[in-house]
Protein backbone atom coordinates (compact mmCIF):
# COMPACT_ATOMS: atom_id res chain seq x y z
CA MET A 1 158.99 123.99 140.30
CA LYS A 2 156.49 126.82 140.65
CA LYS A 3 155.36 126.76 137.06
CA ILE A 4 154.53 123.08 136.96
CA ILE A 5 150.88 122.17 136.79
CA ILE A 6 150.26 118.66 138.04
CA LEU A 7 147.43 116.88 136.32
CA PHE A 8 147.37 113.47 137.94
CA VAL A 9 144.01 111.90 137.19
CA THR A 10 142.28 108.64 137.92
CA ILE A 11 140.10 108.49 134.86
CA ALA A 12 140.80 108.65 131.18
CA LEU A 13 140.72 112.15 129.75
CA PHE A 14 140.48 111.32 126.10
CA SER A 15 139.13 108.60 123.90
CA CYS A 16 140.51 108.01 120.44
CA LYS A 17 137.42 107.54 118.29
CA SER A 18 139.06 105.22 115.82
CA ASN A 19 140.23 102.59 118.28
CA LYS A 20 138.87 103.77 121.66
CA VAL A 21 142.25 104.15 123.28
CA ASN A 22 142.30 106.08 126.53
CA ILE A 23 145.07 108.65 126.95
CA GLU A 24 145.88 109.85 130.44
CA THR A 25 147.81 113.02 131.16
CA ILE A 26 150.21 112.42 134.04
CA VAL A 27 151.86 115.81 134.42
CA ALA A 28 152.13 119.08 132.51
CA PHE A 29 154.91 121.65 132.67
CA LYS A 30 154.07 125.28 131.98
CA GLY A 31 156.73 127.13 130.03
CA GLN A 32 159.16 124.19 130.28
CA GLN A 33 159.51 122.13 127.09
CA VAL A 34 159.92 118.48 128.00
CA THR A 35 161.41 116.11 125.43
CA GLY A 36 162.54 112.95 127.19
CA VAL A 37 160.77 110.55 129.52
CA SER A 38 161.90 107.21 130.93
CA VAL A 39 160.39 104.92 133.56
CA SER A 40 162.71 102.58 135.44
CA ASP A 41 162.15 98.91 136.19
CA LYS A 42 160.90 99.96 139.61
CA GLY A 43 158.45 102.53 138.27
CA ARG A 44 160.46 105.70 138.89
CA MET A 45 159.78 108.33 136.23
CA PHE A 46 162.36 110.77 134.89
CA ALA A 47 162.04 113.61 132.39
CA ASN A 48 164.37 116.11 130.76
CA PHE A 49 164.21 119.59 129.29
CA PRO A 50 166.62 120.59 126.49
CA ARG A 51 168.57 123.84 126.51
CA TRP A 52 166.96 125.17 123.34
CA ARG A 53 166.36 128.61 124.82
CA ALA A 54 167.06 130.55 127.99
CA GLY A 55 164.90 129.97 131.04
CA VAL A 56 165.29 126.21 131.53
CA GLU A 57 164.54 125.68 135.23
CA ASN A 58 165.86 122.12 135.48
CA SER A 59 167.50 119.87 132.91
CA VAL A 60 166.44 116.60 134.57
CA VAL A 61 163.65 115.92 137.06
CA GLU A 62 162.10 112.93 138.76
CA VAL A 63 158.30 112.91 138.73
CA LEU A 64 157.22 111.48 142.08
CA HIS A 65 154.10 109.41 142.64
CA ASN A 66 152.55 112.24 144.67
CA GLY A 67 152.72 114.50 141.65
CA GLU A 68 155.74 116.54 142.67
CA SER A 69 158.67 117.05 140.31
CA ILE A 70 162.08 117.44 141.88
CA PRO A 71 165.51 118.13 140.32
CA PHE A 72 167.51 114.96 139.70
CA PRO A 73 169.89 114.04 141.18
CA ASN A 74 169.86 117.41 142.97
CA GLN A 75 169.64 121.14 142.34
CA LYS A 76 173.39 121.58 141.96
CA TRP A 77 173.52 119.33 138.90
CA ASN A 78 170.75 121.48 137.38
CA SER A 79 172.29 124.84 138.24
CA TRP A 80 174.21 125.59 135.02
CA LYS A 81 173.39 128.85 133.24
CA LEU A 82 174.16 129.97 129.71
CA GLU A 83 177.60 131.50 129.15
CA THR A 84 179.00 130.25 132.45
CA PRO A 85 181.82 127.72 132.93
CA THR A 86 180.95 124.05 132.47
CA SER A 87 182.13 121.03 134.41
CA ASP A 88 181.53 117.31 134.68
CA SER A 89 179.16 117.83 137.57
CA VAL A 90 176.52 119.96 135.84
CA PHE A 91 174.01 119.34 133.07
CA VAL A 92 174.53 121.67 130.10
CA ALA A 93 172.13 120.69 127.30
CA ILE A 94 170.24 117.48 128.03
CA GLN A 95 168.30 115.85 125.20
CA SER A 96 167.47 112.38 126.52
CA VAL A 97 167.15 110.26 129.65
CA VAL A 98 167.08 106.47 129.52
CA ALA A 99 166.49 104.24 132.54
CA PHE A 100 167.97 100.78 132.11
CA GLU A 101 168.48 98.14 134.80
CA ASN A 102 168.45 100.55 137.73
CA MET A 103 170.74 103.01 136.00
CA LEU A 104 169.75 106.34 134.53
CA TYR A 105 171.68 107.44 131.44
CA VAL A 106 171.54 111.21 130.89
CA LEU A 107 172.60 112.36 127.43
CA ASP A 108 174.23 115.79 127.38
CA THR A 109 174.62 117.16 123.85
CA ARG A 110 176.89 119.96 125.09
CA ASN A 111 175.26 121.96 122.29
CA PRO A 112 173.14 124.65 123.97
CA LEU A 113 170.87 126.75 121.77
CA PHE A 114 171.98 124.71 118.72
CA ASN A 115 174.97 127.03 118.43
CA GLY A 116 177.43 124.19 118.05
CA VAL A 117 179.13 121.70 120.33
CA ILE A 118 181.08 123.58 123.00
CA GLU A 119 182.88 120.44 124.24
CA ASN A 120 182.64 116.68 123.87
CA PRO A 121 179.09 115.36 124.23
CA ARG A 122 178.76 112.92 127.11
CA VAL A 123 176.49 110.50 128.87
CA PHE A 124 176.20 110.60 132.66
CA ALA A 125 175.33 107.25 134.24
CA PHE A 126 173.61 107.44 137.64
CA ASP A 127 173.05 104.54 140.01
CA LEU A 128 169.36 104.67 140.93
CA ASN A 129 170.01 102.84 144.20
CA THR A 130 171.95 105.84 145.46
CA ASN A 131 171.15 108.60 142.90
CA GLN A 132 174.92 109.07 142.65
CA LEU A 133 176.98 109.45 139.49
CA LYS A 134 178.63 106.13 138.69
CA LYS A 135 180.38 106.87 135.40
CA THR A 136 180.75 109.54 132.74
CA PHE A 137 181.11 108.52 129.11
CA GLN A 138 182.71 111.24 126.97
CA LEU A 139 182.54 110.86 123.20
CA ASN A 140 185.87 110.73 121.38
CA GLU A 141 186.69 113.68 119.13
CA ALA A 142 186.40 111.62 115.95
CA SER A 143 182.88 110.44 116.79
CA PHE A 144 181.13 113.82 116.59
CA HIS A 145 181.18 117.03 114.54
CA LYS A 146 180.95 120.69 115.54
CA ASP A 147 177.33 120.73 114.37
CA SER A 148 176.44 117.40 115.98
CA TYR A 149 173.36 117.12 118.14
CA ILE A 150 173.59 113.71 119.80
CA ASN A 151 169.93 112.96 120.21
CA ASP A 152 168.98 109.64 121.76
CA LEU A 153 170.49 106.37 122.94
CA ARG A 154 169.85 102.69 123.56
CA VAL A 155 171.83 100.33 125.79
CA ASP A 156 172.90 96.95 124.43
CA LYS A 157 173.75 94.91 127.52
CA LYS A 158 174.58 91.78 125.53
CA ASN A 159 177.38 93.48 123.62
CA GLY A 160 178.35 96.05 126.23
CA LYS A 161 177.59 98.89 123.83
CA MET A 162 175.57 102.06 123.68
CA TYR A 163 174.10 103.28 120.39
CA LEU A 164 173.40 106.97 119.81
CA THR A 165 171.84 108.98 116.99
CA ASP A 166 173.09 112.32 115.71
CA SER A 167 170.30 114.50 114.39
CA GLY A 168 172.45 117.55 113.74
CA HIS A 169 175.05 115.87 111.53
CA ALA A 170 173.75 112.59 110.12
CA GLY A 171 175.26 109.49 111.66
CA LEU A 172 175.31 107.01 114.51
CA VAL A 173 177.78 106.61 117.36
CA VAL A 174 178.74 103.27 118.91
CA LEU A 175 180.12 103.61 122.43
CA ASP A 176 181.90 100.76 124.21
CA MET A 177 180.70 100.84 127.81
CA ASN A 178 183.74 99.00 129.12
CA SER A 179 186.54 100.97 127.49
CA GLY A 180 184.57 104.20 127.16
CA LYS A 181 185.75 104.61 123.56
CA SER A 182 183.31 105.69 120.86
CA VAL A 183 183.32 105.39 117.07
CA ARG A 184 181.24 107.11 114.45
CA VAL A 185 179.45 105.03 111.80
CA LEU A 186 177.10 105.71 108.87
CA ASP A 187 178.35 109.28 108.71
CA ASN A 188 176.24 111.13 106.11
CA HIS A 189 174.95 107.77 104.94
CA LYS A 190 171.64 107.60 103.09
CA SER A 191 170.06 105.79 106.03
CA THR A 192 170.93 108.52 108.54
CA LEU A 193 170.37 111.57 106.33
CA ALA A 194 167.13 113.56 106.37
CA GLU A 195 165.01 113.01 103.27
CA VAL A 196 163.04 116.27 103.34
CA ASN A 197 163.51 119.73 104.85
CA GLN A 198 160.01 120.32 106.12
CA LEU A 199 156.97 118.69 107.70
CA THR A 200 153.35 119.75 107.37
CA PHE A 201 151.02 120.22 110.33
CA ASP A 202 147.55 121.62 110.89
CA ASN A 203 149.09 124.93 111.95
CA GLY A 204 151.31 125.17 108.88
CA VAL A 205 154.64 124.02 107.51
CA TRP A 206 157.54 123.39 109.88
CA ASN A 207 160.76 124.10 108.00
CA ASN A 208 163.72 122.17 109.35
CA THR A 209 166.15 119.43 108.43
CA VAL A 210 166.65 116.81 111.13
CA HIS A 211 168.75 113.73 110.49
CA SER A 212 168.98 110.42 112.40
CA ASP A 213 166.83 110.80 115.47
CA GLY A 214 164.49 107.97 116.50
CA ILE A 215 166.16 104.77 117.68
CA ALA A 216 164.94 101.40 118.96
CA LEU A 217 166.75 98.22 119.94
CA ASP A 218 165.29 94.76 119.42
CA THR A 219 167.17 92.79 122.08
CA GLN A 220 165.56 89.47 121.14
CA ASN A 221 166.75 89.55 117.54
CA ASP A 222 169.75 91.85 118.06
CA ILE A 223 168.67 94.50 115.56
CA LEU A 224 168.93 98.27 115.85
CA TYR A 225 166.24 100.37 114.15
CA PHE A 226 166.78 104.04 113.36
CA HIS A 227 165.04 106.82 111.45
CA ALA A 228 165.64 110.41 110.36
CA LEU A 229 163.08 112.78 111.85
CA THR A 230 162.38 114.59 108.58
CA GLY A 231 162.02 111.47 106.52
CA TYR A 232 159.77 108.50 105.83
CA ASP A 233 162.14 105.52 105.61
CA LEU A 234 162.87 103.17 108.50
CA TYR A 235 166.23 101.39 108.48
CA ALA A 236 167.80 98.62 110.55
CA ILE A 237 171.10 96.85 111.07
CA ALA A 238 172.10 93.72 112.94
CA THR A 239 174.11 94.66 116.02
CA ASP A 240 176.92 92.22 115.24
CA LYS A 241 177.49 94.10 111.99
CA LEU A 242 177.16 97.47 113.66
CA ILE A 243 179.93 96.73 116.15
CA SER A 244 182.27 95.11 113.60
CA ASN A 245 184.49 98.21 113.27
CA ASN A 246 184.43 97.67 109.50
CA LEU A 247 182.85 100.83 108.13
CA GLN A 248 182.24 99.39 104.68
CA GLU A 249 180.63 96.26 106.09
CA ILE A 250 178.44 98.39 108.33
CA GLU A 251 177.20 100.48 105.41
CA GLU A 252 176.53 97.39 103.31
CA SER A 253 174.62 95.74 106.16
CA VAL A 254 172.00 98.46 106.57
CA LYS A 255 168.55 97.27 105.50
CA PHE A 256 165.53 99.30 104.48
CA VAL A 257 162.60 98.11 106.60
CA SER A 258 159.46 100.07 105.75
CA LYS A 259 157.90 103.32 104.65
CA THR A 260 156.50 105.05 107.71
CA ALA A 261 155.26 108.40 108.88
CA ALA A 262 157.82 111.01 109.94
CA PRO A 263 158.57 110.10 113.58
CA ASP A 264 160.44 111.33 116.57
CA GLY A 265 159.88 108.96 119.47
CA MET A 266 160.50 105.24 118.78
CA ILE A 267 160.62 102.18 121.00
CA MET A 268 160.47 98.41 120.76
CA GLY A 269 157.59 96.70 122.52
CA ASN A 270 157.80 93.33 124.21
CA THR A 271 155.92 91.46 121.49
CA GLY A 272 157.85 92.34 118.34
CA ASN A 273 156.07 95.62 117.70
CA LEU A 274 157.83 98.89 116.96
CA PHE A 275 156.00 101.94 118.30
CA TYR A 276 156.72 105.30 116.70
CA ALA A 277 155.27 108.79 116.44
CA ASP A 278 153.44 110.09 113.39
CA LEU A 279 154.24 113.74 113.92
CA GLU A 280 152.27 115.25 111.07
CA ASN A 281 149.06 113.45 112.01
CA ASN A 282 149.14 113.72 115.82
CA SER A 283 149.34 109.95 116.10
CA ILE A 284 151.25 107.08 117.59
CA ASN A 285 151.60 104.09 115.28
CA LYS A 286 152.63 100.47 115.65
CA LEU A 287 154.61 98.45 113.12
CA ASN A 288 154.27 94.68 113.42
CA LEU A 289 157.75 93.61 112.39
CA SER A 290 156.71 90.05 111.63
CA ASN A 291 154.20 90.95 108.92
CA GLY A 292 154.92 94.61 108.15
CA LYS A 293 151.43 95.75 109.12
CA ILE A 294 151.12 99.32 110.41
CA SER A 295 148.24 100.34 112.67
CA VAL A 296 147.26 103.44 114.63
CA VAL A 297 147.58 103.06 118.39
CA ALA A 298 146.13 106.47 119.22
CA LYS A 299 145.40 109.74 117.46
CA GLY A 300 144.16 113.15 118.51
CA LYS A 301 144.85 116.46 120.19
CA GLN A 302 146.50 114.84 123.19
CA ILE A 303 149.33 113.75 120.93
CA ARG A 304 151.29 116.85 119.94
CA TRP A 305 154.73 115.86 118.73
CA ALA A 306 155.33 112.65 120.67
CA ASP A 307 159.04 113.12 121.28
CA SER A 308 160.15 110.21 123.49
CA PHE A 309 158.68 106.88 124.56
CA SER A 310 159.09 104.57 127.51
CA ILE A 311 157.27 101.32 128.32
CA TYR A 312 156.57 100.13 131.86
CA ASP A 313 153.94 97.69 133.14
CA ASN A 314 152.45 97.30 129.64
CA THR A 315 151.92 101.06 129.46
CA LEU A 316 153.39 103.40 126.86
CA TYR A 317 154.58 106.76 128.22
CA TYR A 318 155.33 109.65 125.88
CA THR A 319 156.15 113.35 125.94
CA ASN A 320 154.32 116.09 124.06
CA SER A 321 157.13 118.47 123.14
CA ARG A 322 155.00 120.49 120.64
CA ILE A 323 158.11 121.48 118.70
CA ASN A 324 156.22 122.71 115.64
CA GLU A 325 154.10 124.98 117.85
CA ALA A 326 156.87 126.25 120.14
CA GLN A 327 158.45 128.78 117.84
CA ASN A 328 158.60 131.91 119.99
CA ASP A 329 157.52 132.64 123.57
CA ILE A 330 156.57 129.39 125.31
CA SER A 331 155.93 130.82 128.79
CA LYS A 332 152.18 130.15 128.59
CA MET A 333 152.39 126.82 126.76
CA GLU A 334 152.01 123.48 128.50
CA PHE A 335 154.09 120.43 127.65
CA SER A 336 152.96 117.11 129.03
CA ILE A 337 153.82 113.51 129.79
CA ASN A 338 150.99 111.14 128.89
CA LYS A 339 150.41 107.41 129.00
CA ILE A 340 148.45 104.78 127.10
CA LYS A 341 147.67 101.28 128.33
CA LEU A 342 148.78 98.85 125.65
CA LYS A 343 146.46 96.09 124.56
């Protein structure tokens, strides 16, 4: 990728004055807006670039330890162009990548340019031992809408399910990984609907309405947390209720958890802490779920719309997608993947 600027460093580049947290920039992409990042159990790093505009060079890349970024799984999978035929062997509009137990799940919204879903959204599952496609999960017609933008996912190994958020048309999707069937839940429910239609940043007001977006799975207590992007309420539901197939019971089982900042990226830590972005304040926060205490993990100019999170080796990785800044030409903008060592 000719336009990629590699910024591997061996020292901290930034110190958060409030809590002296060091933020390290791993890699920056010039003119390529990165949203998703995920680090596998073996330390392999993957990133994705959504099809929000023309000029996307690669939808999914692997960031190698030597600083090089290469198309994943190969160039052919990343060769699709706007207004050309699609297939089940090309990435169309990737929004998220999630590495889980030596598999990489690649979420294809099939909604390029936000112009509407052109065919069923799907998740491609790649075996990281071989980098080969192992399975394709295609969402059932009844589990998405024409204006859906399936945004992020979490894998529930215990129940054999996958949980996905829809930020375009409020709701969640529960996908059975054995049968491949998917069902839609909490459709236009208060917990998945956006609460406001704008966010305020230093550079002005960002006008948009984004529904259920951030998602995090507590595998120890079997609870799924989710949050609208343009909103300030965090909700949760026990996974046994979520997979009950009883829509009324599911709606009645949703619990309000806490008032938070407006987030995008969300992830569960290993010690009962929920990490989430505070978009409007260039911060990453931590919610202690046992006592409800919220604290700032890091804050500053190296956090510019923390879009996705991944945790590996007690280190939090996140993407700076700079969505509120990237309104027109982004050819000269840099979008980065950064990391913070957790205490």
